[in-house]
Amino acid sequence: MYLNKLKRAAAIVLAGTMTMTMAGCGKKEEAADNKQSQEESTTSAKKESAGQNTDADYVDEEVTLPDDFGNMIYPLEALMVESYSKGLPYYSEDSEEGEEDSFWFSMAVLSSLMDDYVKDYSIDTDNQYLYLDEETVNMYASAMYDAYGTGNLEFPELSDDDTYATYDEENEAYGFLRGDVGTLQPYITICEEDGGDYVLMTELRDSETDQVEGAYQIILTQSSYDGEENAFAYSVKDFQVLEEAGDEFDENTEEMEESTEMTTEEVMETTEETTEETEVEEETDSISQDDAMDLAQDYYGADAEYSYQGMVTVGDYEYYDFSVEGEDISSTDVLVSVSGNDVIGGVKNDDGSWSFDQ
């Protein structure tokens, strides 16, 4: 398991916390109407499901789920959202370098989904990250990756600049980016027993349009996690994409206090303030164009060709815009903030918005 120190500048991130609650009785209910104490929340998260979950709103009425399925809807949902939003394959022993986000993004989604019901596991929270102790993180990883629960899979290396997760060495806690899946909802269409395993056919749907955004085959097996407490009776043994949606996932973002680093794939401007939003401190110091060029050249290296294009505004921030050309360069531009704190590669879309490197 690779650990790194908590070294993170504030970032524009996925907005808010997940508002879906645990399926302790086989249904998802509104979290806002079910705020509980820490002890009550933990009990609910680990509670066995009643009956066969035939009345749950995430399963077809003709489908019978295995006993104690309950909370497994959340690991399934996290994996589906990851596949839809990131487009990376299910993380496994055979995963290649560069696919680490498949694991860390899934963990971030699951942590956000579980947030309302595992308060006693939380070491600390802030506006960006939900911090969990290692035992809880191991439980989450085992629910989505049976290979991890059986000891056949390790956590991928967590780099200092990872967008979705970080590690607080002092408190021995992982921090996961808090997020919101918006209108995306899981739905189970088929569940068949196969020996001791279960083969599920699932969909990720838009609750507003009822459009199917992705279809998946998921194999569940009995959980191998051996911790003292376990909120999940099963683990995901295999995850296969059957059908992918054609549209990109729109990551919801909000402006965080002292935020300067934009690392999400798509930055959306915040158009109104709410009581939950924090004010962004204005940048007062500026660097010269020459200094900005030096920072831009550090991004892809001196062998690439850079050309100053002018100033651009993204969100509430001003950037020096440099075009870049060279081998194995995925971006068309490198943006350097006037403060010099942010250097990001990106591509300007036809509609005027920007798509940035992870």
Protein backbone atom coordinates (compact mmCIF):
# COMPACT_ATOMS: atom_id res chain seq x y z
CA MET A 1 0.00 0.00 0.00
CA TYR A 2 1.51 3.36 -0.99
CA LEU A 3 1.04 6.36 1.27
CA ASN A 4 1.79 10.01 0.79
CA LYS A 5 1.68 13.06 2.97
CA LEU A 6 -1.26 15.42 2.86
CA LYS A 7 0.05 18.10 0.51
CA ARG A 8 -2.84 19.73 -1.27
CA ALA A 9 -3.66 23.24 -2.49
CA ALA A 10 -7.37 24.04 -2.39
CA ALA A 11 -9.05 23.05 -5.65
CA ILE A 12 -12.26 23.54 -7.56
CA VAL A 13 -13.95 20.17 -6.99
CA LEU A 14 -17.14 18.21 -7.38
CA ALA A 15 -19.81 20.18 -5.55
CA GLY A 16 -21.51 19.09 -2.35
CA THR A 17 -21.97 15.70 -0.79
CA MET A 18 -23.94 12.77 -2.15
CA THR A 19 -27.56 12.95 -1.03
CA MET A 20 -28.43 9.28 -1.41
CA THR A 21 -28.85 7.31 1.79
CA MET A 22 -28.09 3.72 2.68
CA ALA A 23 -30.46 0.92 1.66
CA GLY A 24 -30.87 -0.57 5.12
CA CYS A 25 -34.46 -1.51 4.32
CA GLY A 26 -33.98 -1.98 0.61
CA LYS A 27 -34.89 1.60 -0.39
CA LYS A 28 -33.09 4.85 -1.02
CA GLU A 29 -34.62 7.75 0.90
CA GLU A 30 -33.82 11.43 1.02
CA ALA A 31 -30.81 12.07 3.24
CA ALA A 32 -32.02 15.53 4.16
CA ASP A 33 -35.02 14.03 5.93
CA ASN A 34 -33.02 11.32 7.70
CA LYS A 35 -30.16 13.04 9.54
CA GLN A 36 -29.10 10.76 12.37
CA SER A 37 -26.64 10.75 15.21
CA GLN A 38 -23.28 9.08 14.67
CA GLU A 39 -24.29 5.91 16.49
CA GLU A 40 -27.62 5.66 14.71
CA SER A 41 -25.94 6.28 11.36
CA THR A 42 -23.42 3.50 11.86
CA THR A 43 -26.11 1.07 12.95
CA SER A 44 -28.14 1.89 9.85
CA ALA A 45 -25.14 1.44 7.57
CA LYS A 46 -24.44 -2.05 8.89
CA LYS A 47 -28.04 -3.17 9.21
CA GLU A 48 -29.15 -6.24 7.30
CA SER A 49 -31.63 -5.68 4.50
CA ALA A 50 -35.19 -6.70 5.12
CA GLY A 51 -36.65 -9.36 2.84
CA GLN A 52 -35.39 -9.63 -0.71
CA ASN A 53 -35.28 -5.91 -1.63
CA THR A 54 -38.16 -6.40 -4.06
CA ASP A 55 -39.60 -3.01 -3.11
CA ALA A 56 -36.37 -1.04 -3.67
CA ASP A 57 -36.50 1.71 -6.27
CA TYR A 58 -33.18 0.62 -7.77
CA VAL A 59 -34.29 -2.88 -8.85
CA ASP A 60 -36.82 -4.19 -11.35
CA GLU A 61 -39.90 -5.64 -9.68
CA GLU A 62 -39.25 -9.00 -11.36
CA VAL A 63 -35.75 -9.27 -9.87
CA THR A 64 -34.95 -11.03 -6.59
CA LEU A 65 -31.70 -9.94 -5.01
CA PRO A 66 -29.64 -12.11 -2.64
CA ASP A 67 -30.18 -11.93 1.11
CA ASP A 68 -28.29 -9.10 2.81
CA PHE A 69 -27.77 -7.29 -0.50
CA GLY A 70 -28.78 -3.94 1.01
CA ASN A 71 -25.77 -1.65 1.08
CA MET A 72 -24.12 -3.24 -1.97
CA ILE A 73 -26.07 -0.87 -4.21
CA TYR A 74 -23.56 1.84 -3.28
CA PRO A 75 -20.33 0.08 -4.38
CA LEU A 76 -22.15 -0.86 -7.59
CA GLU A 77 -23.24 2.72 -8.12
CA ALA A 78 -19.73 4.02 -7.49
CA LEU A 79 -18.23 1.69 -10.10
CA MET A 80 -20.89 2.60 -12.67
CA VAL A 81 -20.37 6.32 -12.12
CA GLU A 82 -16.61 5.85 -12.48
CA SER A 83 -17.00 3.95 -15.74
CA TYR A 84 -19.40 6.57 -17.09
CA SER A 85 -17.43 9.62 -15.99
CA LYS A 86 -13.82 8.48 -16.42
CA GLY A 87 -14.12 5.79 -19.08
CA LEU A 88 -11.41 3.70 -17.44
CA PRO A 89 -11.62 -0.10 -17.11
CA TYR A 90 -12.35 -1.79 -13.80
CA TYR A 91 -9.17 -1.73 -11.73
CA SER A 92 -7.50 -5.14 -11.34
CA GLU A 93 -4.17 -6.90 -11.06
CA ASP A 94 -3.83 -6.45 -14.83
CA SER A 95 -4.45 -2.69 -14.87
CA GLU A 96 -1.80 -0.64 -16.60
CA GLU A 97 0.04 2.48 -15.50
CA GLY A 98 -2.16 5.52 -15.94
CA GLU A 99 -5.35 3.75 -14.89
CA GLU A 100 -4.99 4.51 -11.16
CA ASP A 101 -7.89 6.98 -11.27
CA SER A 102 -10.22 4.05 -11.95
CA PHE A 103 -9.58 3.00 -8.35
CA TRP A 104 -9.28 6.36 -6.59
CA PHE A 105 -12.26 7.97 -8.34
CA SER A 106 -14.46 4.97 -7.43
CA MET A 107 -13.31 5.22 -3.83
CA ALA A 108 -14.14 8.93 -3.76
CA VAL A 109 -17.65 8.32 -5.10
CA LEU A 110 -18.33 5.52 -2.62
CA SER A 111 -17.03 7.59 0.28
CA SER A 112 -19.37 10.43 -0.66
CA LEU A 113 -22.33 8.09 -1.05
CA MET A 114 -21.65 6.56 2.36
CA ASP A 115 -20.90 9.86 4.10
CA ASP A 116 -24.31 10.35 5.72
CA TYR A 117 -24.19 6.94 7.36
CA VAL A 118 -20.67 6.40 8.60
CA LYS A 119 -20.04 9.56 10.58
CA ASP A 120 -18.18 7.75 13.34
CA TYR A 121 -15.63 6.57 10.77
CA SER A 122 -14.84 10.13 9.72
CA ILE A 123 -11.68 11.53 11.28
CA ASP A 124 -12.25 15.00 9.90
CA THR A 125 -14.00 16.77 7.07
CA ASP A 126 -13.47 20.00 5.20
CA ASN A 127 -15.04 21.56 2.17
CA GLN A 128 -13.10 19.34 -0.20
CA TYR A 129 -12.17 16.00 1.33
CA LEU A 130 -13.80 13.42 3.55
CA TYR A 131 -11.16 11.76 5.72
CA LEU A 132 -11.56 8.10 6.70
CA ASP A 133 -9.42 5.78 8.77
CA GLU A 134 -7.57 2.98 7.03
CA GLU A 135 -9.90 0.25 8.33
CA THR A 136 -12.89 1.93 6.72
CA VAL A 137 -10.97 2.50 3.49
CA ASN A 138 -10.01 -1.18 3.41
CA MET A 139 -13.68 -2.13 3.87
CA TYR A 140 -14.73 0.13 0.98
CA ALA A 141 -11.98 -1.19 -1.29
CA SER A 142 -12.92 -4.79 -0.46
CA ALA A 143 -16.57 -4.14 -1.38
CA MET A 144 -15.66 -2.87 -4.86
CA TYR A 145 -12.63 -5.09 -5.46
CA ASP A 146 -12.80 -8.64 -4.14
CA ALA A 147 -9.21 -9.10 -5.28
CA TYR A 148 -8.20 -6.53 -2.68
CA GLY A 149 -10.19 -8.31 0.05
CA THR A 150 -8.48 -11.59 -0.79
CA GLY A 151 -5.03 -9.97 -0.77
CA ASN A 152 -4.43 -10.30 -4.52
CA LEU A 153 -4.60 -6.57 -5.24
CA GLU A 154 -2.84 -3.59 -3.66
CA PHE A 155 -3.81 0.06 -3.69
CA PRO A 156 -2.32 1.80 -6.74
CA GLU A 157 0.32 4.42 -6.05
CA LEU A 158 -1.22 7.64 -4.79
CA SER A 159 0.70 10.58 -6.20
CA ASP A 160 0.97 13.95 -4.48
CA ASP A 161 -1.05 15.63 -7.23
CA ASP A 162 -3.84 13.08 -7.43
CA THR A 163 -7.18 14.85 -7.86
CA TYR A 164 -9.48 12.41 -6.10
CA ALA A 165 -7.62 11.18 -3.03
CA THR A 166 -4.86 12.13 -0.62
CA TYR A 167 -3.27 10.71 2.51
CA ASP A 168 -2.83 12.35 5.90
CA GLU A 169 0.18 10.55 7.35
CA GLU A 170 -0.10 12.24 10.75
CA ASN A 171 -3.63 10.92 11.35
CA GLU A 172 -3.20 7.79 9.22
CA ALA A 173 -6.28 8.77 7.25
CA TYR A 174 -7.22 8.83 3.60
CA GLY A 175 -9.00 11.89 2.25
CA PHE A 176 -11.42 11.49 -0.64
CA LEU A 177 -12.84 14.23 -2.83
CA ARG A 178 -16.44 14.92 -1.89
CA GLY A 179 -18.83 14.85 -4.83
CA ASP A 180 -22.35 14.64 -6.18
CA VAL A 181 -23.64 12.21 -8.82
CA GLY A 182 -26.47 14.60 -9.64
CA THR A 183 -29.34 12.85 -11.41
CA LEU A 184 -27.49 9.59 -12.07
CA GLN A 185 -29.13 6.56 -10.47
CA PRO A 186 -28.37 2.81 -10.56
CA TYR A 187 -30.92 0.22 -11.64
CA ILE A 188 -30.71 -3.59 -11.54
CA THR A 189 -32.51 -5.44 -14.34
CA ILE A 190 -31.31 -9.05 -13.85
CA CYS A 191 -29.87 -11.05 -10.95
CA GLU A 192 -29.01 -14.73 -11.43
CA GLU A 193 -27.26 -17.05 -9.00
CA ASP A 194 -24.19 -18.80 -10.35
CA GLY A 195 -22.87 -21.24 -7.79
CA GLY A 196 -22.00 -19.11 -4.80
CA ASP A 197 -21.82 -15.94 -6.90
CA TYR A 198 -24.46 -13.66 -8.40
CA VAL A 199 -24.46 -12.26 -11.93
CA LEU A 200 -26.20 -8.88 -12.19
CA MET A 201 -27.17 -6.81 -15.20
CA THR A 202 -27.29 -3.16 -14.21
CA GLU A 203 -27.90 0.24 -15.75
CA LEU A 204 -26.95 3.79 -14.87
CA ARG A 205 -29.90 6.06 -15.60
CA ASP A 206 -30.65 9.77 -15.62
CA SER A 207 -33.53 10.15 -13.18
CA GLU A 208 -34.84 13.27 -14.95
CA THR A 209 -34.93 11.90 -18.50
CA ASP A 210 -34.96 8.14 -17.69
CA GLN A 211 -32.22 7.79 -20.32
CA VAL A 212 -29.87 4.83 -19.88
CA GLU A 213 -26.34 6.23 -19.69
CA GLY A 214 -24.56 2.88 -19.44
CA ALA A 215 -25.20 -0.86 -19.07
CA TYR A 216 -22.98 -3.25 -17.11
CA GLN A 217 -22.51 -6.88 -16.04
CA ILE A 218 -21.37 -7.25 -12.44
CA ILE A 219 -20.47 -10.45 -10.59
CA LEU A 220 -20.83 -10.50 -6.81
CA THR A 221 -19.28 -12.97 -4.41
CA GLN A 222 -19.30 -13.33 -0.64
CA SER A 223 -17.22 -10.63 1.02
CA SER A 224 -13.64 -11.58 1.89
CA TYR A 225 -13.13 -8.57 4.15
CA ASP A 226 -12.12 -9.78 7.63
CA GLY A 227 -12.40 -6.54 9.60
CA GLU A 228 -14.33 -6.34 12.84
CA GLU A 229 -17.17 -4.39 11.22
CA ASN A 230 -18.40 -4.81 7.66
CA ALA A 231 -21.23 -2.86 6.06
CA PHE A 232 -21.19 -5.10 2.96
CA ALA A 233 -22.09 -8.77 2.74
CA TYR A 234 -20.70 -9.09 -0.81
CA SER A 235 -17.79 -7.95 -2.95
CA VAL A 236 -17.57 -7.14 -6.66
CA LYS A 237 -15.65 -9.94 -8.35
CA ASP A 238 -15.91 -8.69 -11.92
CA PHE A 239 -17.22 -5.58 -13.68
CA GLN A 240 -17.81 -5.40 -17.43
CA VAL A 241 -19.16 -2.55 -19.55
CA LEU A 242 -21.91 -3.73 -21.89
CA GLU A 243 -22.89 -0.36 -23.31
CA GLU A 244 -21.40 3.10 -22.90
CA ALA A 245 -23.23 6.39 -23.08
CA GLY A 246 -22.26 8.80 -25.83
CA ASP A 247 -22.19 11.92 -23.68
CA GLU A 248 -19.43 12.95 -21.33
CA PHE A 249 -20.19 13.10 -17.61
CA ASP A 250 -20.68 16.71 -16.48
CA GLU A 251 -18.69 17.14 -13.27
CA ASN A 252 -20.39 19.54 -10.90
CA THR A 253 -17.96 22.07 -9.52
CA GLU A 254 -17.95 24.80 -6.91
CA GLU A 255 -15.47 27.51 -6.01
CA MET A 256 -13.62 26.70 -2.79
CA GLU A 257 -12.02 29.13 -0.35
CA GLU A 258 -8.53 30.21 -1.51
CA SER A 259 -9.09 28.17 -4.67
CA THR A 260 -6.60 28.62 -7.48
CA GLU A 261 -5.91 25.17 -8.93
CA MET A 262 -8.34 23.86 -11.56
CA THR A 263 -7.87 20.14 -12.10
CA THR A 264 -11.33 18.80 -13.02
CA GLU A 265 -11.95 17.72 -16.59
CA GLU A 266 -14.53 20.45 -17.18
CA VAL A 267 -14.79 23.70 -15.24
CA MET A 268 -18.27 25.19 -14.97
CA GLU A 269 -18.82 28.76 -13.88
CA THR A 270 -20.75 29.24 -10.65
CA THR A 271 -23.70 31.48 -11.39
CA GLU A 272 -25.27 31.91 -7.98
CA GLU A 273 -24.22 31.82 -4.37
CA THR A 274 -25.74 29.58 -1.71
CA THR A 275 -25.31 29.48 2.03
CA GLU A 276 -23.06 26.44 1.64
CA GLU A 277 -20.61 28.16 -0.73
CA THR A 278 -17.43 29.81 0.53
CA GLU A 279 -15.98 33.05 -0.73
CA VAL A 280 -12.93 32.96 -2.96
CA GLU A 281 -10.11 35.28 -1.99
CA GLU A 282 -9.09 37.66 -4.73
CA GLU A 283 -5.66 37.32 -6.25
CA THR A 284 -3.62 40.46 -5.65
CA ASP A 285 -0.12 39.59 -6.89
CA SER A 286 0.64 39.07 -10.56
CA ILE A 287 3.60 37.63 -12.42
CA SER A 288 5.02 38.92 -15.69
CA GLN A 289 4.42 37.36 -19.09
CA ASP A 290 8.05 36.22 -19.18
CA ASP A 291 7.70 34.51 -15.80
CA ALA A 292 4.49 32.89 -17.01
CA MET A 293 6.32 31.61 -20.10
CA ASP A 294 8.96 30.01 -17.90
CA LEU A 295 6.26 28.21 -15.91
CA ALA A 296 4.49 27.11 -19.09
CA GLN A 297 7.73 25.62 -20.47
CA ASP A 298 8.15 23.62 -17.28
CA TYR A 299 4.76 21.98 -17.88
CA TYR A 300 5.63 19.97 -21.02
CA GLY A 301 9.36 20.64 -21.10
CA ALA A 302 11.64 22.92 -23.08
CA ASP A 303 11.53 20.70 -26.21
CA ALA A 304 7.93 21.73 -26.94
CA GLU A 305 7.15 24.95 -28.83
CA TYR A 306 5.24 27.66 -26.95
CA SER A 307 3.62 30.81 -28.25
CA TYR A 308 1.82 33.50 -26.23
CA GLN A 309 -1.80 33.90 -27.33
CA GLY A 310 -3.09 36.48 -24.87
CA MET A 311 -5.09 36.56 -21.65
CA VAL A 312 -8.12 34.33 -21.00
CA THR A 313 -10.65 34.22 -18.18
CA VAL A 314 -11.74 30.88 -16.70
CA GLY A 315 -14.27 31.14 -13.90
CA ASP A 316 -13.17 34.18 -11.88
CA TYR A 317 -9.48 33.90 -12.74
CA GLU A 318 -7.18 35.39 -15.34
CA TYR A 319 -4.62 33.23 -17.15
CA TYR A 320 -1.77 33.74 -19.58
CA ASP A 321 -2.57 31.52 -22.58
CA PHE A 322 0.31 29.83 -24.42
CA SER A 323 -0.22 27.53 -27.39
CA VAL A 324 1.93 24.38 -27.25
CA GLU A 325 3.08 21.91 -29.88
CA GLY A 326 5.27 18.85 -29.64
CA GLU A 327 5.36 15.06 -29.50
CA ASP A 328 3.01 13.19 -27.13
CA ILE A 329 1.32 16.40 -25.98
CA SER A 330 -2.39 16.00 -25.32
CA SER A 331 -3.23 19.71 -24.93
CA THR A 332 -3.27 22.58 -27.39
CA ASP A 333 -2.68 25.24 -24.75
CA VAL A 334 -0.99 25.76 -21.40
CA LEU A 335 -2.66 28.26 -19.05
CA VAL A 336 -0.70 30.01 -16.32
CA SER A 337 -2.61 31.97 -13.68
CA VAL A 338 -1.60 35.58 -13.12
CA SER A 339 -0.64 34.59 -9.57
CA GLY A 340 1.71 31.91 -10.88
CA ASN A 341 0.09 29.29 -8.63
CA ASP A 342 -1.69 27.35 -11.37
CA VAL A 343 -0.25 25.84 -14.54
CA ILE A 344 -2.69 23.63 -16.44
CA GLY A 345 -2.84 22.07 -19.86
CA GLY A 346 -6.11 22.29 -21.73
CA VAL A 347 -8.06 22.42 -24.97
CA LYS A 348 -10.56 25.14 -25.81
CA ASN A 349 -13.86 23.68 -26.98
CA ASP A 350 -15.96 25.02 -29.85
CA ASP A 351 -18.47 26.53 -27.41
CA GLY A 352 -15.74 28.56 -25.70
CA SER A 353 -15.41 26.33 -22.62
CA TRP A 354 -12.18 24.57 -21.63
CA SER A 355 -11.34 20.92 -21.03
CA PHE A 356 -8.31 20.46 -18.80
CA ASP A 357 -5.77 17.72 -18.17
CA GLN A 358 -6.40 15.68 -15.05
